[in-house]
Amino acid sequence: MFTKLRGVVAASAVAVVAAAGTAGAAPQEDILDQLKRIPGLAVLSEGPPPTPDTRYFVLGYTQPVDHRQPGGATFQQRFQLVHKSAARPTVLHTTGYNLYPTSFRSEPTQLVDGNQISTEHRFFPPSQPQPATWDHLNIWQAATDHHRLVAALKPLYPKKWLASGASKGGMTSVYHSRFYPRDVDGVVAYVAPSDHVNDEDSAYDRFFATVGDAACRTALADLQVEAFKRRPELVAMLTEHSAKENWTYDKIVGNLDKAFEKSIMVLSWAFWQYSGQQHCDKVPTTKASTSQIYDYVQANVDFGSFADQNLIQMVPYYFQAMSELGWPRQKQAHISGYLKYPDSSTIYSNVPKELHRPHRPMAMLDVHNWVRTQGQRILFINGQNDPWGAERFTPSPHDSHSFTAPGSNHGAKIAALSGADRTAATDILRRWAGSDVRLDGAAPVIDPSQLDVVRTPFPF
């Protein structure tokens, strides 16, 4: 995918000419040479950029495993750079998960026509210490990773900075601002939940009792019940499917039958997270064939989500949810009589037993209260029909704002807001990035292929 950089490659790099274009003016130093001089930074590769007027690099930055012991063990955190110009704003895009596989520009980056740094969250391979000391995976350590990255790169990008991310990436951008509020000039947090009281989940039950129309909610509930009624046949299909895919279930979830149970439990959540009211007519009825039910669950949930081979990739997320972030639990009384495993709806069933830790509630309470009372210049974008938005942040009166995209799911964007809200949110973002970004009065046409995709694991 990328051209590996070996030795001196600056001679083959395209020089960036000074924007002023004055006769006889010397060209600016190539961005590659500037990057290579930053202590602790390694240029891993240069690849195809998202637009012809940008350059794209995959980089590594040496981070302490424990920022309280900066002289101790280290690991290399990967991140991507889309370089536009030192004269443009810069967006710190926090994925919250793994690094994206290709270059892209997030919505804020497109709206301000800026540079973009996109980070891989600590402990997501390969940005994982070896050996992995899991108690150093917390929101403060990750925020300090991002703080050090900003400090290292601000000399190259002296204009305004924004932080942004979606889902856990949006949460990560808020946590970064909580601990280092002076690092950036504004935060745009997409579909970022705030489960600040982990044991109080009634908001999720209210959401699922009212989302969409009654007929759609009933169809999904009936399908869950029907799937459990046909458990032996569906488990047999999953057994055959798993053999073909080489899926195993013994290392984390425990067994295939439990993975089946969890998949049916999250069916309604998955539907509203990724689909929506417009897809209700595709929900199979109770008269559908067993194969049709299996195929529908596979398409909407993916039974392989709870296989060892896939779940292991998300252990860093589930560890954080278990120890600090919190997780939702739905009551789902209509299927309670079919459940065989008491821990199916807890985050602990997605974390290897040797990594089990007690939940520490103070971290989320602190962040939630700080956002509500002291946070400045934070813009929240939520989806009306997104289950993760049942518990959301409350912005402070300090130039912070919240908008909801009507009918949107977990992929809500500024572009999906109603006309007046879309204009207001865009103006806020551009104001924070500096008045020079507004080249004309019209909002740009957002290229959907350049938008970051919300990749979120299931809540339990």
Protein backbone atom coordinates (compact mmCIF):
# COMPACT_ATOMS: atom_id res chain seq x y z
CA MET A 1 0.00 0.00 0.00
CA PHE A 2 2.76 2.42 0.91
CA THR A 3 6.22 3.06 -0.52
CA LYS A 4 8.67 2.18 2.22
CA LEU A 5 11.20 4.87 3.01
CA ARG A 6 14.76 3.58 3.24
CA GLY A 7 17.83 5.76 3.48
CA VAL A 8 17.72 9.30 2.22
CA VAL A 9 14.63 9.93 0.15
CA ALA A 10 14.42 13.69 0.38
CA ALA A 11 15.98 14.09 -3.06
CA SER A 12 12.98 12.38 -4.63
CA ALA A 13 10.40 14.31 -2.59
CA VAL A 14 8.44 17.14 -4.15
CA ALA A 15 9.54 20.49 -2.74
CA VAL A 16 6.85 22.72 -1.29
CA VAL A 17 7.19 26.19 -2.81
CA ALA A 18 6.54 29.26 -0.67
CA ALA A 19 2.94 30.39 -1.02
CA ALA A 20 3.90 34.02 -1.58
CA GLY A 21 5.55 33.18 -4.88
CA THR A 22 7.83 36.23 -4.78
CA ALA A 23 10.39 36.29 -7.59
CA GLY A 24 13.63 34.75 -6.40
CA ALA A 25 12.15 33.52 -3.10
CA ALA A 26 13.77 30.36 -1.76
CA PRO A 27 11.54 27.28 -1.53
CA GLN A 28 10.42 26.16 1.89
CA GLU A 29 12.18 23.16 3.36
CA ASP A 30 10.47 19.92 2.40
CA ILE A 31 8.05 18.64 5.04
CA LEU A 32 9.74 15.24 5.03
CA ASP A 33 13.05 16.75 6.11
CA GLN A 34 11.32 18.71 8.86
CA LEU A 35 9.59 15.59 10.16
CA LYS A 36 12.81 13.60 10.26
CA ARG A 37 14.40 16.18 12.58
CA ILE A 38 11.77 15.85 15.31
CA PRO A 39 13.26 13.90 18.25
CA GLY A 40 11.52 10.58 18.82
CA LEU A 41 9.66 10.66 15.49
CA ALA A 42 10.16 8.01 12.80
CA VAL A 43 8.91 8.26 9.22
CA LEU A 44 7.54 4.79 8.50
CA SER A 45 6.13 5.29 5.01
CA GLU A 46 4.75 7.74 2.50
CA GLY A 47 1.69 6.75 0.50
CA PRO A 48 -1.04 8.00 -1.80
CA PRO A 49 -2.56 11.22 -0.40
CA PRO A 50 -6.32 11.79 -0.13
CA THR A 51 -6.17 14.81 -2.46
CA PRO A 52 -3.64 15.92 -5.11
CA ASP A 53 -2.62 19.00 -3.11
CA THR A 54 -1.66 17.04 0.03
CA ARG A 55 0.98 14.54 1.11
CA TYR A 56 0.43 11.53 3.30
CA PHE A 57 2.78 9.88 5.79
CA VAL A 58 2.55 7.08 8.34
CA LEU A 59 4.73 8.00 11.30
CA GLY A 60 5.77 6.60 14.65
CA TYR A 61 6.43 8.54 17.85
CA THR A 62 8.20 7.21 20.92
CA GLN A 63 5.96 7.43 23.98
CA PRO A 64 6.56 6.44 27.61
CA VAL A 65 4.50 3.46 28.69
CA ASP A 66 3.91 5.35 31.93
CA HIS A 67 4.04 9.13 31.58
CA ARG A 68 4.67 9.40 35.30
CA GLN A 69 7.99 7.64 34.66
CA PRO A 70 9.20 9.29 31.43
CA GLY A 71 12.61 7.64 31.77
CA GLY A 72 11.15 4.14 31.85
CA ALA A 73 9.89 1.73 29.19
CA THR A 74 8.64 3.13 25.88
CA PHE A 75 6.56 2.08 22.88
CA GLN A 76 6.03 3.49 19.41
CA GLN A 77 2.65 5.09 18.75
CA ARG A 78 1.65 5.13 15.10
CA PHE A 79 -0.11 8.09 13.54
CA GLN A 80 -0.92 9.46 10.11
CA LEU A 81 -0.22 12.91 8.74
CA VAL A 82 -2.07 14.50 5.86
CA HIS A 83 0.07 17.56 5.11
CA LYS A 84 -1.58 20.49 3.37
CA SER A 85 0.37 23.59 4.37
CA ALA A 86 1.92 25.13 7.44
CA ALA A 87 -0.32 28.11 6.72
CA ARG A 88 -3.49 26.07 7.29
CA PRO A 89 -5.18 24.93 10.54
CA THR A 90 -4.46 21.44 11.84
CA VAL A 91 -6.95 18.81 13.03
CA LEU A 92 -5.85 16.28 15.64
CA HIS A 93 -8.08 13.31 14.76
CA THR A 94 -8.19 10.76 17.59
CA THR A 95 -9.44 7.40 16.34
CA GLY A 96 -9.83 5.83 19.79
CA TYR A 97 -8.98 2.51 18.13
CA ASN A 98 -6.54 1.25 15.49
CA LEU A 99 -5.08 3.42 12.78
CA TYR A 100 -7.17 3.62 9.62
CA PRO A 101 -5.74 1.56 6.73
CA THR A 102 -5.66 4.38 4.14
CA SER A 103 -5.39 8.13 3.93
CA PHE A 104 -8.55 10.18 4.49
CA ARG A 105 -9.73 13.60 5.57
CA SER A 106 -12.29 13.86 8.36
CA GLU A 107 -15.20 16.27 8.10
CA PRO A 108 -13.55 19.03 10.20
CA THR A 109 -10.39 18.75 8.09
CA GLN A 110 -12.44 19.24 4.93
CA LEU A 111 -14.42 22.12 6.42
CA VAL A 112 -11.27 24.08 7.31
CA ASP A 113 -9.16 22.75 4.41
CA GLY A 114 -6.42 21.88 6.85
CA ASN A 115 -3.73 19.43 7.84
CA GLN A 116 -4.68 16.30 9.74
CA ILE A 117 -2.93 14.13 12.30
CA SER A 118 -4.78 10.86 12.96
CA THR A 119 -3.61 8.79 15.90
CA GLU A 120 -3.69 5.14 16.84
CA HIS A 121 -4.80 4.75 20.46
CA ARG A 122 -2.30 3.25 22.86
CA PHE A 123 -2.54 -0.54 23.34
CA PHE A 124 -4.18 -1.12 19.95
CA PRO A 125 -1.66 -3.20 17.99
CA PRO A 126 0.95 -2.40 16.90
CA SER A 127 0.90 0.69 19.17
CA GLN A 128 1.12 -1.59 22.19
CA PRO A 129 3.88 -1.86 24.80
CA GLN A 130 5.65 -5.20 24.99
CA PRO A 131 4.98 -6.62 27.44
CA ALA A 132 1.59 -4.94 27.69
CA THR A 133 1.22 -3.46 31.16
CA TRP A 134 -2.55 -3.02 31.03
CA ASP A 135 -2.92 -0.81 34.07
CA HIS A 136 -1.24 1.93 32.03
CA LEU A 137 -4.20 1.94 29.66
CA ASN A 138 -6.34 4.77 30.98
CA ILE A 139 -7.69 8.10 29.79
CA TRP A 140 -4.97 10.21 31.40
CA GLN A 141 -2.11 8.20 29.88
CA ALA A 142 -3.75 8.38 26.42
CA ALA A 143 -4.43 12.10 26.77
CA THR A 144 -0.77 12.62 27.62
CA ASP A 145 0.22 10.69 24.48
CA HIS A 146 -1.76 13.21 22.45
CA HIS A 147 -0.39 16.13 24.45
CA ARG A 148 3.17 15.12 23.59
CA LEU A 149 2.28 14.70 19.91
CA VAL A 150 0.79 18.19 19.78
CA ALA A 151 3.87 19.64 21.46
CA ALA A 152 6.15 17.89 18.98
CA LEU A 153 4.25 19.02 15.87
CA LYS A 154 3.05 22.51 16.74
CA PRO A 155 6.36 24.09 15.68
CA LEU A 156 5.67 22.76 12.16
CA TYR A 157 2.00 23.78 12.24
CA PRO A 158 1.72 27.11 14.10
CA LYS A 159 -1.86 28.00 13.07
CA LYS A 160 -5.02 27.08 14.98
CA TRP A 161 -5.60 23.47 16.09
CA LEU A 162 -8.83 21.50 16.45
CA ALA A 163 -9.32 18.06 18.00
CA SER A 164 -11.92 15.69 16.67
CA GLY A 165 -13.01 12.08 16.60
CA ALA A 166 -16.07 9.87 16.37
CA SER A 167 -17.51 7.50 18.98
CA LYS A 168 -14.63 6.43 21.23
CA GLY A 169 -12.45 8.74 19.15
CA GLY A 170 -14.76 11.61 20.08
CA MET A 171 -14.62 10.59 23.72
CA THR A 172 -10.83 10.50 23.48
CA SER A 173 -10.74 14.06 22.11
CA VAL A 174 -12.83 15.23 25.07
CA TYR A 175 -10.59 13.45 27.58
CA HIS A 176 -7.52 15.04 25.98
CA SER A 177 -9.11 18.47 26.36
CA ARG A 178 -10.03 17.71 29.98
CA PHE A 179 -6.40 17.21 30.97
CA TYR A 180 -4.74 19.57 28.47
CA PRO A 181 -7.29 22.28 27.64
CA ARG A 182 -4.70 24.60 26.08
CA ASP A 183 -3.48 22.12 23.47
CA VAL A 184 -6.20 22.90 20.91
CA ASP A 185 -8.51 25.78 20.05
CA GLY A 186 -11.68 23.70 19.78
CA VAL A 187 -13.04 20.14 19.94
CA VAL A 188 -15.56 18.52 17.58
CA ALA A 189 -16.77 15.30 19.20
CA TYR A 190 -19.02 13.11 17.07
CA VAL A 191 -21.46 10.57 18.60
CA ALA A 192 -19.49 10.53 21.86
CA PRO A 193 -21.41 8.91 24.76
CA SER A 194 -20.95 9.82 28.41
CA ASP A 195 -21.85 6.85 30.62
CA HIS A 196 -20.91 8.81 33.71
CA VAL A 197 -22.91 6.65 36.16
CA ASN A 198 -22.24 3.13 35.00
CA ASP A 199 -24.93 1.39 37.04
CA GLU A 200 -27.69 3.79 35.93
CA ASP A 201 -28.75 2.68 32.45
CA SER A 202 -32.44 3.58 32.35
CA ALA A 203 -31.73 6.11 29.57
CA TYR A 204 -30.97 3.22 27.22
CA ASP A 205 -34.22 1.48 28.11
CA ARG A 206 -36.14 4.70 27.41
CA PHE A 207 -34.34 5.02 24.08
CA PHE A 208 -35.26 1.53 22.91
CA ALA A 209 -38.86 2.04 24.04
CA THR A 210 -39.28 5.12 21.85
CA VAL A 211 -36.82 4.98 18.92
CA GLY A 212 -38.38 4.71 15.46
CA ASP A 213 -41.96 3.52 15.21
CA ALA A 214 -43.71 0.86 17.29
CA ALA A 215 -44.04 -1.57 14.40
CA CYS A 216 -40.28 -1.59 13.81
CA ARG A 217 -39.49 -2.05 17.49
CA THR A 218 -41.95 -4.93 17.70
CA ALA A 219 -40.54 -6.61 14.60
CA LEU A 220 -37.02 -6.54 16.03
CA ALA A 221 -38.18 -7.86 19.43
CA ASP A 222 -40.19 -10.64 17.78
CA LEU A 223 -37.17 -11.60 15.68
CA GLN A 224 -34.98 -11.90 18.78
CA VAL A 225 -37.53 -14.18 20.44
CA GLU A 226 -37.90 -16.27 17.29
CA ALA A 227 -34.12 -16.64 17.01
CA PHE A 228 -33.93 -17.98 20.56
CA LYS A 229 -36.81 -20.35 19.84
CA ARG A 230 -34.79 -21.73 16.93
CA ARG A 231 -31.57 -21.79 18.91
CA PRO A 232 -30.58 -25.42 18.12
CA GLU A 233 -30.89 -24.92 14.34
CA LEU A 234 -29.17 -21.53 14.35
CA VAL A 235 -26.33 -22.76 16.59
CA ALA A 236 -25.82 -25.65 14.16
CA MET A 237 -25.53 -23.14 11.31
CA LEU A 238 -23.09 -21.05 13.32
CA THR A 239 -21.03 -24.16 14.10
CA GLU A 240 -20.71 -24.91 10.40
CA HIS A 241 -19.99 -21.28 9.54
CA SER A 242 -17.34 -21.02 12.28
CA ALA A 243 -15.56 -24.13 11.03
CA LYS A 244 -15.31 -22.62 7.55
CA GLU A 245 -14.00 -19.31 8.93
CA ASN A 246 -11.73 -20.94 11.56
CA TRP A 247 -13.51 -19.01 14.31
CA THR A 248 -12.96 -20.15 17.89
CA TYR A 249 -14.66 -18.96 21.06
CA ASP A 250 -12.85 -20.56 23.99
CA LYS A 251 -10.26 -17.87 24.80
CA ILE A 252 -12.53 -14.91 25.69
CA VAL A 253 -16.31 -15.44 25.44
CA GLY A 254 -16.05 -19.08 26.43
CA ASN A 255 -18.04 -21.09 23.91
CA LEU A 256 -19.94 -20.85 20.64
CA ASP A 257 -23.39 -21.04 22.23
CA LYS A 258 -22.60 -18.03 24.40
CA ALA A 259 -21.39 -16.11 21.34
CA PHE A 260 -24.72 -16.91 19.69
CA GLU A 261 -26.60 -15.63 22.74
CA LYS A 262 -24.67 -12.36 22.76
CA SER A 263 -25.24 -11.87 19.04
CA ILE A 264 -29.01 -12.13 19.41
CA MET A 265 -28.96 -9.87 22.47
CA VAL A 266 -27.27 -7.03 20.55
CA LEU A 267 -29.44 -7.35 17.43
CA SER A 268 -31.67 -4.38 18.18
CA TRP A 269 -28.69 -2.26 19.22
CA ALA A 270 -26.85 -3.12 16.01
CA PHE A 271 -29.89 -2.28 13.91
CA TRP A 272 -30.25 1.24 15.29
CA GLN A 273 -26.50 1.84 15.46
CA TYR A 274 -25.83 1.05 11.81
CA SER A 275 -29.21 1.01 10.04
CA GLY A 276 -32.43 2.80 10.99
CA GLN A 277 -36.11 3.32 10.40
CA GLN A 278 -35.70 3.26 6.61
CA HIS A 279 -34.58 -0.39 6.83
CA CYS A 280 -37.41 -1.70 9.01
CA ASP A 281 -39.11 -3.40 6.07
CA LYS A 282 -36.09 -5.70 5.73
CA VAL A 283 -36.47 -7.21 9.23
CA PRO A 284 -37.54 -10.86 8.77
CA THR A 285 -40.88 -11.90 10.20
CA THR A 286 -41.33 -14.85 12.52
CA LYS A 287 -42.45 -16.85 9.47
CA ALA A 288 -39.08 -16.44 7.74
CA SER A 289 -36.91 -19.50 7.18
CA THR A 290 -34.15 -20.28 9.64
CA SER A 291 -31.61 -19.54 6.91
CA GLN A 292 -33.14 -16.11 6.36
CA ILE A 293 -32.96 -15.33 10.07
CA TYR A 294 -29.35 -16.52 10.26
CA ASP A 295 -28.34 -14.44 7.24
CA TYR A 296 -30.05 -11.34 8.64
CA VAL A 297 -28.31 -11.60 12.02
CA GLN A 298 -25.01 -12.28 10.30
CA ALA A 299 -25.41 -9.22 8.06
CA ASN A 300 -26.40 -6.89 10.90
CA VAL A 301 -24.36 -8.20 13.83
CA ASP A 302 -21.78 -10.62 12.39
CA PHE A 303 -21.51 -13.68 14.60
CA GLY A 304 -17.75 -13.47 14.13
CA SER A 305 -17.68 -10.32 16.23
CA PHE A 306 -17.52 -12.55 19.31
CA ALA A 307 -14.99 -15.02 17.94
CA ASP A 308 -11.52 -14.99 19.50
CA GLN A 309 -9.95 -13.94 16.21
CA ASN A 310 -11.97 -10.71 16.04
CA LEU A 311 -12.69 -9.97 19.68
CA ILE A 312 -8.98 -9.95 20.56
CA GLN A 313 -8.57 -6.87 18.36
CA MET A 314 -11.04 -4.97 20.53
CA VAL A 315 -9.77 -6.05 23.95
CA PRO A 316 -8.17 -2.59 24.55
CA TYR A 317 -11.60 -0.97 24.12
CA TYR A 318 -13.40 -3.46 26.32
CA PHE A 319 -10.67 -3.16 28.96
CA GLN A 320 -11.17 0.61 29.06
CA ALA A 321 -14.95 0.24 29.19
CA MET A 322 -14.60 -2.22 32.05
CA SER A 323 -12.12 -0.16 34.07
CA GLU A 324 -13.16 3.46 33.37
CA LEU A 325 -15.52 4.27 30.47
CA GLY A 326 -18.51 2.22 31.59
CA TRP A 327 -20.92 0.21 29.45
CA PRO A 328 -24.68 0.06 28.89
CA ARG A 329 -26.91 -2.82 29.93
CA GLN A 330 -30.37 -3.21 28.40
CA LYS A 331 -33.09 -4.93 30.41
CA GLN A 332 -34.69 -6.63 27.36
CA ALA A 333 -37.35 -8.36 29.43
CA HIS A 334 -38.82 -10.01 26.33
CA ILE A 335 -35.78 -12.31 25.98
CA SER A 336 -34.70 -12.69 29.61
CA GLY A 337 -36.24 -16.15 29.85
CA TYR A 338 -34.07 -17.44 26.99
CA LEU A 339 -30.69 -16.37 28.41
CA LYS A 340 -28.37 -19.07 29.71
CA TYR A 341 -25.28 -17.06 30.71
CA PRO A 342 -25.53 -14.53 33.57
CA ASP A 343 -22.61 -12.43 32.32
CA SER A 344 -23.67 -12.24 28.67
CA SER A 345 -24.69 -8.59 29.01
CA THR A 346 -21.61 -7.44 30.92
CA ILE A 347 -18.36 -6.15 29.50
CA TYR A 348 -16.45 -8.77 31.48
CA SER A 349 -17.50 -11.48 29.04
CA ASN A 350 -15.47 -9.67 26.33
CA VAL A 351 -12.26 -9.39 28.35
CA PRO A 352 -9.86 -12.27 29.09
CA LYS A 353 -10.17 -13.27 32.74
CA GLU A 354 -6.57 -12.40 33.53
CA LEU A 355 -7.33 -8.77 32.58
CA HIS A 356 -10.46 -8.37 34.72
CA ARG A 357 -10.36 -5.21 36.82
CA PRO A 358 -12.94 -3.43 39.01
CA HIS A 359 -14.71 -0.45 37.49
CA ARG A 360 -13.40 2.93 38.70
CA PRO A 361 -16.32 5.40 38.54
CA MET A 362 -14.54 8.65 39.37
CA ALA A 363 -12.88 9.13 35.97
CA MET A 364 -16.15 9.51 34.02
CA LEU A 365 -17.84 11.53 36.76
CA ASP A 366 -14.92 13.95 36.70
CA VAL A 367 -14.96 14.35 32.90
CA HIS A 368 -18.73 14.68 32.69
CA ASN A 369 -18.84 17.38 35.37
CA TRP A 370 -15.88 19.23 33.85
CA VAL A 371 -17.54 19.27 30.40
CA ARG A 372 -20.82 20.50 31.91
CA THR A 373 -19.29 23.29 34.02
CA GLN A 374 -15.82 24.23 32.78
CA GLY A 375 -15.20 22.81 29.31
CA GLN A 376 -14.67 25.43 26.62
CA ARG A 377 -15.14 25.35 22.85
CA ILE A 378 -16.50 21.79 22.57
CA LEU A 379 -18.96 20.97 19.79
CA PHE A 380 -20.98 17.75 20.13
CA ILE A 381 -22.66 16.13 17.11
CA ASN A 382 -25.19 13.39 17.95
CA GLY A 383 -27.51 11.15 15.95
CA GLN A 384 -31.20 11.19 16.85
CA ASN A 385 -31.58 7.42 16.44
CA ASP A 386 -28.14 6.42 17.74
CA PRO A 387 -28.35 4.19 20.84
CA TRP A 388 -24.97 5.47 22.04
CA GLY A 389 -26.51 8.92 22.26
CA ALA A 390 -28.98 7.86 24.95
CA GLU A 391 -26.41 9.07 27.48
CA ARG A 392 -24.55 12.07 26.14
CA PHE A 393 -22.46 14.99 27.30
CA THR A 394 -24.07 18.25 28.42
CA PRO A 395 -22.07 21.20 27.07
CA SER A 396 -21.09 24.10 29.31
CA PRO A 397 -22.13 27.71 28.59
CA HIS A 398 -18.50 28.51 27.70
CA ASP A 399 -18.79 28.56 23.88
CA SER A 400 -19.74 24.88 23.83
CA HIS A 401 -22.61 23.46 21.81
CA SER A 402 -24.60 20.32 21.02
CA PHE A 403 -26.47 19.48 17.81
CA THR A 404 -28.51 16.42 16.87
CA ALA A 405 -28.80 15.12 13.31
CA PRO A 406 -32.44 14.14 12.68
CA GLY A 407 -32.94 10.47 11.87
CA SER A 408 -29.19 9.78 11.96
CA ASN A 409 -27.50 6.78 13.52
CA HIS A 410 -23.95 6.35 14.83
CA GLY A 411 -22.60 7.90 11.63
CA ALA A 412 -24.04 11.37 12.32
CA LYS A 413 -22.11 14.28 10.79
CA ILE A 414 -22.41 18.05 10.54
CA ALA A 415 -23.47 17.48 6.93
CA ALA A 416 -26.51 15.53 8.24
CA LEU A 417 -27.77 18.37 10.45
CA SER A 418 -30.80 20.42 9.46
CA GLY A 419 -30.05 23.53 7.41
CA ALA A 420 -29.85 26.11 10.19
CA ASP A 421 -27.96 23.77 12.55
CA ARG A 422 -25.55 22.78 9.78
CA THR A 423 -24.73 26.42 9.10
CA ALA A 424 -24.36 27.21 12.80
CA ALA A 425 -22.08 24.23 13.51
CA THR A 426 -19.94 24.95 10.46
CA ASP A 427 -19.56 28.60 11.47
CA ILE A 428 -18.55 27.62 15.01
CA LEU A 429 -15.93 25.18 13.78
CA ARG A 430 -14.47 27.66 11.28
CA ARG A 431 -14.42 30.45 13.86
CA TRP A 432 -12.38 28.30 16.22
CA ALA A 433 -10.00 27.42 13.38
CA GLY A 434 -9.41 31.08 12.50
CA SER A 435 -11.27 33.47 10.24
CA ASP A 436 -8.78 32.91 7.41
CA VAL A 437 -10.28 29.49 6.67
CA ARG A 438 -13.48 31.01 5.35
CA LEU A 439 -12.50 31.47 1.74
CA ASP A 440 -16.09 32.05 0.64
CA GLY A 441 -19.55 32.15 2.17
CA ALA A 442 -20.63 28.73 0.93
CA ALA A 443 -20.23 25.51 2.83
CA PRO A 444 -17.98 23.06 0.97
CA VAL A 445 -19.35 19.92 -0.60
CA ILE A 446 -18.23 17.11 1.68
CA ASP A 447 -16.87 14.08 -0.15
CA PRO A 448 -18.40 11.05 1.65
CA SER A 449 -15.48 8.86 0.57
CA GLN A 450 -13.18 11.07 2.62
CA LEU A 451 -15.18 10.89 5.83
CA ASP A 452 -13.97 8.72 8.67
CA VAL A 453 -16.08 5.63 9.20
CA VAL A 454 -17.41 5.07 12.71
CA ARG A 455 -16.13 1.64 13.68
CA THR A 456 -17.57 0.84 17.07
CA PRO A 457 -17.74 -2.52 18.85
CA PHE A 458 -20.93 -3.60 20.52
CA PRO A 459 -21.67 -2.47 24.08
CA PHE A 460 -21.44 -5.92 25.71
